[in-house]
């Protein structure tokens, strides 16, 4: 649901509000994720994890605003930008959980800024890697029925609906593989 909020926030045409909303949404996701594992975040760690787009400089924000205003008239292009924002928010929660579950070695209850910075860097790199066409994620093969009595139109509609329903799992598998590769090739456990 918070990913949907992030996608909605990216559609707001005011220059400051989308970033502030995204920061709040990302902060809530980070807080909830670590709390589910009995951990806590320092204020600095939450701020690092909550920042939209790891390297958002003033120039990049201005370019993003200008692009958003130009693309506002081209709704399908804005939809792609909003989906990218949603992916970034989804990846934060999904990969932060994966980090805590599979990678984190310390038994400390608190996540400090240094650890949050390393995790954030790994998450940002994994998101970029997940978008690479060369990445090979595991494939889920569903068993076929013994007999298909649907007409052609119904088959196409069913395929479209099922592909949409499977998209989050597919994205999650790609993020998992990308994150695991990122961690294996140089994650400092500090």
N, C-alpha and C. Protein backbone atom coordinates (compact mmCIF):
# COMPACT_ATOMS: atom_id res chain seq x y z
N UNK A 1 0.82 -1.19 0.00
CA UNK A 1 0.00 0.00 0.00
C UNK A 1 0.86 1.26 0.00
N UNK A 2 1.96 1.22 0.77
CA UNK A 2 2.84 2.40 0.80
C UNK A 2 3.49 2.64 -0.56
N UNK A 3 3.74 1.57 -1.32
CA UNK A 3 4.26 1.75 -2.67
C UNK A 3 3.26 2.50 -3.52
N UNK A 4 1.98 2.19 -3.37
CA UNK A 4 0.94 2.92 -4.10
C UNK A 4 0.91 4.38 -3.69
N UNK A 5 1.10 4.67 -2.41
CA UNK A 5 1.19 6.06 -1.96
C UNK A 5 2.35 6.77 -2.64
N UNK A 6 3.48 6.09 -2.76
CA UNK A 6 4.65 6.69 -3.40
C UNK A 6 4.39 6.99 -4.87
N UNK A 7 3.72 6.07 -5.55
CA UNK A 7 3.38 6.32 -6.95
C UNK A 7 2.44 7.51 -7.05
N UNK A 8 1.45 7.57 -6.17
CA UNK A 8 0.53 8.71 -6.17
C UNK A 8 1.23 10.01 -5.85
N UNK A 9 2.16 9.99 -4.92
CA UNK A 9 2.89 11.21 -4.54
C UNK A 9 3.69 11.75 -5.70
N UNK A 10 4.21 10.86 -6.54
CA UNK A 10 5.03 11.33 -7.66
C UNK A 10 4.19 12.03 -8.72
N UNK A 11 2.89 11.90 -8.69
CA UNK A 11 2.01 12.55 -9.66
C UNK A 11 1.63 13.97 -9.23
N UNK A 12 1.91 14.34 -7.98
CA UNK A 12 1.53 15.67 -7.50
C UNK A 12 2.37 16.71 -8.21
N UNK A 13 1.76 17.71 -8.84
CA UNK A 13 2.51 18.65 -9.67
C UNK A 13 3.29 19.73 -8.91
N UNK A 14 3.20 19.80 -7.60
CA UNK A 14 3.93 20.80 -6.85
C UNK A 14 5.37 20.35 -6.64
N UNK A 15 6.34 21.27 -6.69
CA UNK A 15 7.74 20.86 -6.68
C UNK A 15 8.25 20.26 -5.38
N UNK A 16 7.77 20.63 -4.22
CA UNK A 16 8.34 20.19 -2.95
C UNK A 16 7.58 19.01 -2.36
N UNK A 17 6.29 18.96 -2.55
CA UNK A 17 5.44 17.98 -1.88
C UNK A 17 5.79 16.53 -2.24
N UNK A 18 6.02 16.18 -3.50
CA UNK A 18 6.35 14.77 -3.77
C UNK A 18 7.58 14.28 -3.01
N UNK A 19 8.63 15.08 -2.95
CA UNK A 19 9.84 14.65 -2.23
C UNK A 19 9.57 14.49 -0.74
N UNK A 20 8.82 15.40 -0.17
CA UNK A 20 8.52 15.29 1.27
C UNK A 20 7.65 14.08 1.56
N UNK A 21 6.65 13.84 0.71
CA UNK A 21 5.81 12.66 0.90
C UNK A 21 6.62 11.38 0.73
N UNK A 22 7.48 11.34 -0.28
CA UNK A 22 8.30 10.16 -0.49
C UNK A 22 9.22 9.91 0.70
N UNK A 23 9.78 10.97 1.25
CA UNK A 23 10.63 10.83 2.42
C UNK A 23 9.85 10.24 3.59
N UNK A 24 8.64 10.72 3.80
CA UNK A 24 7.80 10.19 4.88
C UNK A 24 7.43 8.73 4.63
N UNK A 25 7.06 8.42 3.40
CA UNK A 25 6.66 7.05 3.06
C UNK A 25 7.85 6.11 3.22
N UNK A 26 9.00 6.49 2.68
CA UNK A 26 10.20 5.65 2.79
C UNK A 26 10.61 5.49 4.25
N UNK A 27 10.51 6.56 5.03
CA UNK A 27 10.83 6.48 6.45
C UNK A 27 9.92 5.50 7.18
N UNK A 28 8.63 5.54 6.85
CA UNK A 28 7.68 4.62 7.47
C UNK A 28 7.99 3.18 7.09
N UNK A 29 8.35 2.95 5.83
CA UNK A 29 8.69 1.59 5.39
C UNK A 29 9.93 1.09 6.12
N UNK A 30 10.96 1.93 6.19
CA UNK A 30 12.20 1.53 6.88
C UNK A 30 11.91 1.23 8.35
N UNK A 31 11.16 2.11 8.99
CA UNK A 31 10.84 1.93 10.41
C UNK A 31 10.06 0.64 10.64
N UNK A 32 9.06 0.40 9.82
CA UNK A 32 8.24 -0.80 9.96
C UNK A 32 9.07 -2.06 9.71
N UNK A 33 9.92 -2.02 8.70
CA UNK A 33 10.71 -3.20 8.35
C UNK A 33 11.65 -3.59 9.48
N UNK A 34 12.37 -2.62 10.03
CA UNK A 34 13.30 -2.97 11.12
C UNK A 34 12.55 -3.35 12.39
N UNK A 35 11.42 -2.71 12.64
CA UNK A 35 10.63 -3.03 13.83
C UNK A 35 10.10 -4.46 13.78
N UNK A 36 9.78 -4.95 12.62
CA UNK A 36 9.30 -6.33 12.48
C UNK A 36 10.35 -7.35 12.85
N UNK A 37 11.61 -6.92 12.85
CA UNK A 37 12.72 -7.79 13.25
C UNK A 37 13.22 -7.47 14.65
N UNK A 38 12.46 -6.65 15.38
CA UNK A 38 12.83 -6.30 16.74
C UNK A 38 14.01 -5.33 16.82
N UNK A 39 14.23 -4.57 15.76
CA UNK A 39 15.34 -3.62 15.71
C UNK A 39 14.81 -2.20 15.73
N UNK A 40 15.73 -1.24 15.85
CA UNK A 40 15.34 0.16 15.79
C UNK A 40 16.34 0.92 14.93
N UNK A 41 15.92 2.09 14.47
CA UNK A 41 16.75 2.96 13.64
C UNK A 41 17.08 4.23 14.41
N UNK A 42 18.32 4.68 14.30
CA UNK A 42 18.62 6.00 14.83
C UNK A 42 18.01 7.02 13.89
N UNK A 43 17.89 8.25 14.34
CA UNK A 43 17.31 9.31 13.51
C UNK A 43 18.11 9.49 12.23
N UNK A 44 19.44 9.47 12.34
CA UNK A 44 20.29 9.63 11.16
C UNK A 44 20.12 8.46 10.19
N UNK A 45 20.02 7.25 10.72
CA UNK A 45 19.85 6.07 9.87
C UNK A 45 18.52 6.13 9.13
N UNK A 46 17.47 6.53 9.82
CA UNK A 46 16.16 6.65 9.16
C UNK A 46 16.22 7.70 8.06
N UNK A 47 16.88 8.83 8.33
CA UNK A 47 16.99 9.88 7.33
C UNK A 47 17.75 9.39 6.09
N UNK A 48 18.81 8.62 6.29
CA UNK A 48 19.57 8.09 5.15
C UNK A 48 18.74 7.12 4.32
N UNK A 49 18.00 6.25 4.99
CA UNK A 49 17.19 5.29 4.27
C UNK A 49 15.97 5.93 3.62
N UNK A 50 15.48 7.02 4.19
CA UNK A 50 14.25 7.65 3.71
C UNK A 50 14.46 8.59 2.53
N UNK A 51 15.69 9.02 2.29
CA UNK A 51 15.93 9.95 1.18
C UNK A 51 15.53 9.32 -0.14
N UNK A 52 14.67 10.01 -0.93
CA UNK A 52 14.36 9.47 -2.25
C UNK A 52 15.59 9.53 -3.15
N UNK A 53 15.82 8.48 -3.90
CA UNK A 53 16.89 8.44 -4.89
C UNK A 53 18.24 8.81 -4.35
N UNK A 54 18.94 7.93 -3.73
CA UNK A 54 20.20 8.10 -3.06
C UNK A 54 21.04 9.32 -3.36
N UNK A 55 21.11 9.79 -4.60
CA UNK A 55 22.01 10.89 -4.94
C UNK A 55 21.26 12.08 -5.54
N UNK A 56 20.18 12.47 -4.94
CA UNK A 56 19.37 13.56 -5.47
C UNK A 56 19.98 14.91 -5.10
N UNK A 57 20.63 15.50 -6.05
CA UNK A 57 21.22 16.82 -5.85
C UNK A 57 20.20 17.88 -6.24
N UNK A 58 20.51 19.13 -5.94
CA UNK A 58 19.61 20.23 -6.32
C UNK A 58 19.42 20.27 -7.83
N UNK A 59 20.51 20.06 -8.57
CA UNK A 59 20.41 20.06 -10.03
C UNK A 59 19.50 18.94 -10.51
N UNK A 60 19.66 17.76 -9.92
CA UNK A 60 18.83 16.62 -10.32
C UNK A 60 17.37 16.87 -9.98
N UNK A 61 17.10 17.49 -8.83
CA UNK A 61 15.72 17.81 -8.45
C UNK A 61 15.11 18.79 -9.45
N UNK A 62 15.89 19.80 -9.85
CA UNK A 62 15.40 20.78 -10.82
C UNK A 62 15.13 20.12 -12.17
N UNK A 63 16.05 19.26 -12.58
CA UNK A 63 15.85 18.55 -13.85
C UNK A 63 14.63 17.64 -13.78
N UNK A 64 14.46 17.00 -12.64
CA UNK A 64 13.30 16.12 -12.45
C UNK A 64 12.00 16.92 -12.52
N UNK A 65 11.98 18.08 -11.87
CA UNK A 65 10.79 18.93 -11.90
C UNK A 65 10.49 19.39 -13.32
N UNK A 66 11.50 19.84 -14.02
CA UNK A 66 11.31 20.29 -15.40
C UNK A 66 10.81 19.15 -16.27
N UNK A 67 11.43 17.99 -16.13
CA UNK A 67 11.00 16.82 -16.90
C UNK A 67 9.57 16.45 -16.57
N UNK A 68 9.23 16.48 -15.27
CA UNK A 68 7.87 16.14 -14.84
C UNK A 68 6.85 17.08 -15.47
N UNK A 69 7.17 18.36 -15.50
CA UNK A 69 6.25 19.34 -16.09
C UNK A 69 6.08 19.11 -17.58
N UNK A 70 7.19 18.79 -18.26
CA UNK A 70 7.11 18.52 -19.71
C UNK A 70 6.34 17.23 -19.94
N UNK A 71 6.65 16.21 -19.14
CA UNK A 71 6.01 14.91 -19.33
C UNK A 71 4.57 14.87 -18.84
N UNK A 72 4.19 15.88 -18.05
CA UNK A 72 2.81 15.91 -17.55
C UNK A 72 1.82 15.90 -18.70
N UNK A 73 2.24 16.46 -19.79
CA UNK A 73 1.37 16.48 -20.96
C UNK A 73 1.42 15.14 -21.71
N UNK A 74 2.43 14.35 -21.43
CA UNK A 74 2.58 13.03 -22.04
C UNK A 74 2.34 11.97 -20.96
N UNK A 75 1.12 11.74 -20.62
CA UNK A 75 0.73 10.92 -19.49
C UNK A 75 1.40 9.54 -19.45
N UNK A 76 1.52 8.81 -20.56
CA UNK A 76 2.18 7.50 -20.46
C UNK A 76 3.63 7.61 -19.98
N UNK A 77 4.35 8.64 -20.39
CA UNK A 77 5.73 8.81 -19.92
C UNK A 77 5.75 9.11 -18.42
N UNK A 78 4.81 9.89 -17.94
CA UNK A 78 4.73 10.17 -16.50
C UNK A 78 4.42 8.89 -15.74
N UNK A 79 3.63 8.03 -16.33
CA UNK A 79 3.31 6.77 -15.68
C UNK A 79 4.57 5.94 -15.48
N UNK A 80 5.47 5.97 -16.44
CA UNK A 80 6.74 5.24 -16.30
C UNK A 80 7.56 5.83 -15.16
N UNK A 81 7.61 7.16 -15.08
CA UNK A 81 8.35 7.82 -14.00
C UNK A 81 7.74 7.48 -12.64
N UNK A 82 6.42 7.45 -12.56
CA UNK A 82 5.75 7.10 -11.30
C UNK A 82 6.00 5.64 -10.93
N UNK A 83 6.01 4.77 -11.94
CA UNK A 83 6.30 3.36 -11.68
C UNK A 83 7.73 3.18 -11.17
N UNK A 84 8.66 3.95 -11.71
CA UNK A 84 10.05 3.88 -11.25
C UNK A 84 10.14 4.32 -9.79
N UNK A 85 9.39 5.34 -9.44
CA UNK A 85 9.35 5.81 -8.05
C UNK A 85 8.77 4.72 -7.15
N UNK A 86 7.72 4.08 -7.60
CA UNK A 86 7.12 2.99 -6.84
C UNK A 86 8.07 1.82 -6.68
N UNK A 87 8.83 1.51 -7.74
CA UNK A 87 9.81 0.43 -7.66
C UNK A 87 10.87 0.74 -6.61
N UNK A 88 11.32 1.98 -6.58
CA UNK A 88 12.34 2.37 -5.61
C UNK A 88 11.83 2.20 -4.18
N UNK A 89 10.58 2.57 -3.94
CA UNK A 89 10.00 2.43 -2.60
C UNK A 89 9.79 0.95 -2.25
N UNK A 90 9.28 0.19 -3.18
CA UNK A 90 9.09 -1.25 -2.95
C UNK A 90 10.43 -1.91 -2.65
N UNK A 91 11.45 -1.55 -3.43
CA UNK A 91 12.78 -2.15 -3.26
C UNK A 91 13.35 -1.84 -1.88
N UNK A 92 13.11 -0.64 -1.38
CA UNK A 92 13.62 -0.30 -0.05
C UNK A 92 13.11 -1.28 0.99
N UNK A 93 11.80 -1.47 1.06
CA UNK A 93 11.24 -2.37 2.05
C UNK A 93 11.65 -3.82 1.83
N UNK A 94 11.59 -4.25 0.60
CA UNK A 94 11.89 -5.65 0.26
C UNK A 94 13.35 -5.98 0.56
N UNK A 95 14.26 -5.12 0.11
CA UNK A 95 15.69 -5.41 0.25
C UNK A 95 16.21 -5.12 1.66
N UNK A 96 15.60 -4.16 2.35
CA UNK A 96 15.98 -3.94 3.74
C UNK A 96 15.62 -5.17 4.57
N UNK A 97 14.47 -5.75 4.30
CA UNK A 97 14.07 -6.98 4.97
C UNK A 97 15.04 -8.11 4.61
N UNK A 98 15.41 -8.21 3.36
CA UNK A 98 16.35 -9.24 2.92
C UNK A 98 17.71 -9.05 3.60
N UNK A 99 18.14 -7.81 3.72
CA UNK A 99 19.41 -7.51 4.39
C UNK A 99 19.37 -7.99 5.84
N UNK A 100 18.31 -7.62 6.55
CA UNK A 100 18.21 -7.99 7.97
C UNK A 100 18.14 -9.50 8.13
N UNK A 101 17.41 -10.15 7.26
CA UNK A 101 17.20 -11.59 7.36
C UNK A 101 18.43 -12.40 6.93
N UNK A 102 19.08 -12.00 5.84
CA UNK A 102 20.12 -12.85 5.25
C UNK A 102 21.55 -12.34 5.37
N UNK A 103 21.74 -11.04 5.56
CA UNK A 103 23.08 -10.47 5.46
C UNK A 103 23.60 -9.94 6.78
N UNK A 104 22.76 -9.30 7.55
CA UNK A 104 23.21 -8.62 8.77
C UNK A 104 23.79 -9.62 9.75
N UNK A 105 25.00 -9.33 10.21
CA UNK A 105 25.70 -10.26 11.09
C UNK A 105 25.76 -9.80 12.54
N UNK A 106 25.55 -8.54 12.78
CA UNK A 106 25.66 -8.03 14.13
C UNK A 106 24.37 -8.31 14.91
N UNK A 107 24.52 -8.43 16.21
CA UNK A 107 23.35 -8.65 17.04
C UNK A 107 22.87 -7.36 17.69
N UNK A 108 23.47 -6.24 17.29
CA UNK A 108 23.06 -4.94 17.83
C UNK A 108 21.60 -4.68 17.50
N UNK A 109 20.90 -4.09 18.43
CA UNK A 109 19.48 -3.84 18.26
C UNK A 109 19.25 -2.58 17.43
N UNK A 110 20.20 -1.68 17.43
CA UNK A 110 20.05 -0.41 16.76
C UNK A 110 20.84 -0.38 15.45
N UNK A 111 20.21 0.14 14.41
CA UNK A 111 20.90 0.36 13.14
C UNK A 111 21.31 1.83 13.13
N UNK A 112 22.61 2.06 13.02
CA UNK A 112 23.16 3.41 13.03
C UNK A 112 23.39 3.91 11.60
N UNK A 113 23.78 5.16 11.48
CA UNK A 113 23.94 5.82 10.18
C UNK A 113 24.95 5.11 9.29
N UNK A 114 26.07 4.65 9.83
CA UNK A 114 27.08 3.98 8.99
C UNK A 114 26.51 2.71 8.35
N UNK A 115 25.82 1.92 9.13
CA UNK A 115 25.22 0.70 8.59
C UNK A 115 24.12 1.05 7.59
N UNK A 116 23.31 2.04 7.91
CA UNK A 116 22.24 2.47 7.00
C UNK A 116 22.82 2.96 5.67
N UNK A 117 23.94 3.66 5.73
CA UNK A 117 24.59 4.16 4.50
C UNK A 117 25.04 2.99 3.62
N UNK A 118 25.64 1.97 4.23
CA UNK A 118 26.09 0.80 3.47
C UNK A 118 24.90 0.05 2.87
N UNK A 119 23.86 -0.11 3.68
CA UNK A 119 22.66 -0.81 3.19
C UNK A 119 22.01 -0.02 2.06
N UNK A 120 21.89 1.27 2.24
CA UNK A 120 21.28 2.12 1.22
C UNK A 120 22.05 2.04 -0.09
N UNK A 121 23.38 2.07 0.00
CA UNK A 121 24.21 1.96 -1.20
C UNK A 121 23.98 0.61 -1.89
N UNK A 122 23.93 -0.46 -1.11
CA UNK A 122 23.69 -1.79 -1.68
C UNK A 122 22.30 -1.87 -2.31
N UNK A 123 21.31 -1.26 -1.69
CA UNK A 123 19.95 -1.27 -2.25
C UNK A 123 19.92 -0.48 -3.55
N UNK A 124 20.53 0.71 -3.57
CA UNK A 124 20.54 1.52 -4.80
C UNK A 124 21.25 0.78 -5.93
N UNK A 125 22.37 0.13 -5.62
CA UNK A 125 23.09 -0.62 -6.66
C UNK A 125 22.26 -1.81 -7.13
N UNK A 126 21.58 -2.46 -6.21
CA UNK A 126 20.76 -3.62 -6.58
C UNK A 126 19.58 -3.22 -7.47
N UNK A 127 18.98 -2.08 -7.19
CA UNK A 127 17.87 -1.61 -8.04
C UNK A 127 18.36 -1.35 -9.45
N UNK A 128 19.51 -0.69 -9.56
CA UNK A 128 20.07 -0.44 -10.90
C UNK A 128 20.38 -1.77 -11.59
N UNK A 129 20.94 -2.71 -10.85
CA UNK A 129 21.30 -4.02 -11.42
C UNK A 129 20.04 -4.81 -11.81
N UNK A 130 18.98 -4.69 -11.04
CA UNK A 130 17.74 -5.43 -11.32
C UNK A 130 17.13 -5.01 -12.65
N UNK A 131 17.42 -3.79 -13.09
CA UNK A 131 16.88 -3.31 -14.35
C UNK A 131 17.71 -3.74 -15.56
N UNK A 132 18.84 -4.39 -15.31
CA UNK A 132 19.72 -4.84 -16.38
C UNK A 132 19.12 -6.04 -17.11
N UNK A 133 19.10 -6.00 -18.43
CA UNK A 133 18.57 -7.15 -19.17
C UNK A 133 19.44 -8.40 -19.03
N UNK A 134 20.69 -8.24 -18.63
CA UNK A 134 21.58 -9.40 -18.51
C UNK A 134 21.36 -10.17 -17.21
N UNK A 135 20.60 -9.61 -16.28
CA UNK A 135 20.33 -10.28 -15.02
C UNK A 135 19.41 -11.47 -15.26
N UNK A 136 19.74 -12.59 -14.68
CA UNK A 136 18.92 -13.80 -14.82
C UNK A 136 18.32 -14.17 -13.48
N UNK A 137 17.03 -13.97 -13.35
CA UNK A 137 16.32 -14.34 -12.12
C UNK A 137 15.72 -15.72 -12.30
N UNK A 138 15.41 -16.36 -11.20
CA UNK A 138 14.79 -17.68 -11.28
C UNK A 138 13.43 -17.56 -11.95
N UNK A 139 13.03 -18.63 -12.58
CA UNK A 139 11.77 -18.65 -13.31
C UNK A 139 10.78 -19.54 -12.56
N UNK A 140 9.56 -19.06 -12.43
CA UNK A 140 8.50 -19.85 -11.82
C UNK A 140 7.68 -20.47 -12.94
N UNK A 141 7.59 -21.78 -12.93
CA UNK A 141 6.82 -22.49 -13.95
C UNK A 141 5.56 -23.03 -13.29
N UNK A 142 4.44 -22.59 -13.82
CA UNK A 142 3.16 -23.04 -13.28
C UNK A 142 2.69 -24.25 -14.06
N UNK A 143 2.08 -25.22 -13.38
CA UNK A 143 1.59 -26.39 -14.10
C UNK A 143 0.40 -26.02 -14.98
N UNK A 144 0.34 -26.63 -16.12
CA UNK A 144 -0.78 -26.39 -17.04
C UNK A 144 -1.94 -27.30 -16.70
N UNK A 145 -3.12 -26.87 -17.08
CA UNK A 145 -4.31 -27.71 -16.86
C UNK A 145 -4.32 -28.86 -17.85
N UNK A 146 -5.15 -29.80 -17.60
CA UNK A 146 -5.22 -30.96 -18.49
C UNK A 146 -5.94 -30.62 -19.79
N UNK A 147 -6.84 -29.65 -19.70
CA UNK A 147 -7.61 -29.31 -20.89
C UNK A 147 -8.03 -27.84 -20.78
N UNK A 148 -7.84 -27.11 -21.84
CA UNK A 148 -8.18 -25.68 -21.83
C UNK A 148 -9.39 -25.46 -22.72
N UNK A 149 -10.52 -25.17 -22.09
CA UNK A 149 -11.77 -24.99 -22.83
C UNK A 149 -12.12 -23.52 -23.06
N UNK A 150 -11.20 -22.61 -22.72
CA UNK A 150 -11.48 -21.18 -22.89
C UNK A 150 -11.37 -20.79 -24.36
N UNK A 151 -12.12 -19.75 -24.70
CA UNK A 151 -11.97 -19.20 -26.05
C UNK A 151 -10.72 -18.32 -26.09
N UNK A 152 -10.30 -17.92 -27.29
CA UNK A 152 -9.06 -17.16 -27.47
C UNK A 152 -9.07 -15.84 -26.71
N UNK A 153 -10.17 -15.11 -26.76
CA UNK A 153 -10.27 -13.82 -26.06
C UNK A 153 -10.10 -14.00 -24.54
N UNK A 154 -10.75 -15.00 -23.99
CA UNK A 154 -10.65 -15.27 -22.55
C UNK A 154 -9.23 -15.65 -22.18
N UNK A 155 -8.56 -16.43 -23.03
CA UNK A 155 -7.16 -16.78 -22.76
C UNK A 155 -6.28 -15.54 -22.69
N UNK A 156 -6.48 -14.60 -23.62
CA UNK A 156 -5.68 -13.37 -23.63
C UNK A 156 -5.96 -12.51 -22.40
N UNK A 157 -7.23 -12.37 -22.05
CA UNK A 157 -7.58 -11.60 -20.85
C UNK A 157 -6.99 -12.24 -19.60
N UNK A 158 -7.12 -13.56 -19.50
CA UNK A 158 -6.55 -14.27 -18.35
C UNK A 158 -5.04 -14.10 -18.29
N UNK A 159 -4.38 -14.20 -19.43
CA UNK A 159 -2.92 -14.04 -19.47
C UNK A 159 -2.52 -12.64 -19.02
N UNK A 160 -3.26 -11.64 -19.46
CA UNK A 160 -2.97 -10.26 -19.07
C UNK A 160 -3.15 -10.07 -17.56
N UNK A 161 -4.26 -10.56 -17.02
CA UNK A 161 -4.53 -10.43 -15.59
C UNK A 161 -3.51 -11.19 -14.74
N UNK A 162 -3.16 -12.39 -15.15
CA UNK A 162 -2.20 -13.19 -14.39
C UNK A 162 -0.79 -12.60 -14.48
N UNK A 163 -0.44 -12.04 -15.62
CA UNK A 163 0.88 -11.39 -15.75
C UNK A 163 0.96 -10.19 -14.81
N UNK A 164 -0.12 -9.41 -14.72
CA UNK A 164 -0.14 -8.28 -13.80
C UNK A 164 -0.05 -8.72 -12.35
N UNK A 165 -0.72 -9.81 -12.03
CA UNK A 165 -0.69 -10.31 -10.66
C UNK A 165 0.68 -10.89 -10.31
N UNK A 166 1.39 -11.42 -11.28
CA UNK A 166 2.70 -12.03 -11.03
C UNK A 166 3.84 -11.01 -11.07
N UNK A 167 3.56 -9.80 -11.54
CA UNK A 167 4.63 -8.79 -11.69
C UNK A 167 5.37 -8.50 -10.38
N UNK A 168 4.68 -8.29 -9.25
CA UNK A 168 5.43 -8.02 -8.02
C UNK A 168 6.37 -9.16 -7.63
N UNK A 169 5.94 -10.40 -7.80
CA UNK A 169 6.81 -11.54 -7.49
C UNK A 169 8.02 -11.57 -8.42
N UNK A 170 7.79 -11.30 -9.69
CA UNK A 170 8.88 -11.27 -10.67
C UNK A 170 9.88 -10.16 -10.33
N UNK A 171 9.39 -8.98 -10.01
CA UNK A 171 10.25 -7.87 -9.62
C UNK A 171 11.02 -8.24 -8.35
N UNK A 172 10.33 -8.85 -7.40
CA UNK A 172 10.98 -9.28 -6.17
C UNK A 172 12.10 -10.27 -6.41
N UNK A 173 11.88 -11.23 -7.31
CA UNK A 173 12.93 -12.21 -7.62
C UNK A 173 14.13 -11.52 -8.27
N UNK A 174 13.89 -10.57 -9.16
CA UNK A 174 14.99 -9.83 -9.80
C UNK A 174 15.75 -9.00 -8.78
N UNK A 175 15.02 -8.36 -7.88
CA UNK A 175 15.67 -7.58 -6.83
C UNK A 175 16.51 -8.48 -5.93
N UNK A 176 15.98 -9.65 -5.58
CA UNK A 176 16.71 -10.59 -4.72
C UNK A 176 18.04 -10.98 -5.37
N UNK A 177 17.99 -11.37 -6.63
CA UNK A 177 19.20 -11.79 -7.33
C UNK A 177 20.19 -10.63 -7.42
N UNK A 178 19.70 -9.46 -7.79
CA UNK A 178 20.57 -8.28 -7.90
C UNK A 178 21.19 -7.92 -6.56
N UNK A 179 20.40 -7.99 -5.49
CA UNK A 179 20.92 -7.66 -4.16
C UNK A 179 21.95 -8.69 -3.71
N UNK A 180 21.66 -9.96 -3.94
CA UNK A 180 22.60 -11.00 -3.56
C UNK A 180 23.93 -10.84 -4.31
N UNK A 181 23.86 -10.51 -5.60
CA UNK A 181 25.08 -10.26 -6.38
C UNK A 181 25.82 -9.04 -5.84
N UNK A 182 25.09 -8.00 -5.52
CA UNK A 182 25.71 -6.77 -4.99
C UNK A 182 26.42 -7.05 -3.67
N UNK A 183 25.77 -7.78 -2.79
CA UNK A 183 26.37 -8.10 -1.50
C UNK A 183 27.59 -9.01 -1.68
N UNK A 184 27.49 -9.97 -2.60
CA UNK A 184 28.59 -10.89 -2.81
C UNK A 184 29.82 -10.22 -3.43
N UNK A 185 29.61 -9.14 -4.17
CA UNK A 185 30.74 -8.49 -4.86
C UNK A 185 31.29 -7.30 -4.11
N UNK A 186 30.92 -7.12 -2.90
CA UNK A 186 31.56 -6.02 -2.18
C UNK A 186 30.71 -5.29 -1.19
N UNK A 187 30.09 -5.98 -0.29
CA UNK A 187 29.33 -5.33 0.77
C UNK A 187 30.18 -5.35 2.02
N UNK A 188 30.42 -4.17 2.58
CA UNK A 188 31.20 -4.05 3.80
C UNK A 188 30.27 -4.26 4.98
N UNK A 189 30.45 -5.35 5.70
CA UNK A 189 29.59 -5.64 6.86
C UNK A 189 29.90 -4.77 8.05
N UNK A 190 31.03 -4.08 8.01
CA UNK A 190 31.43 -3.13 9.04
C UNK A 190 31.22 -3.63 10.39
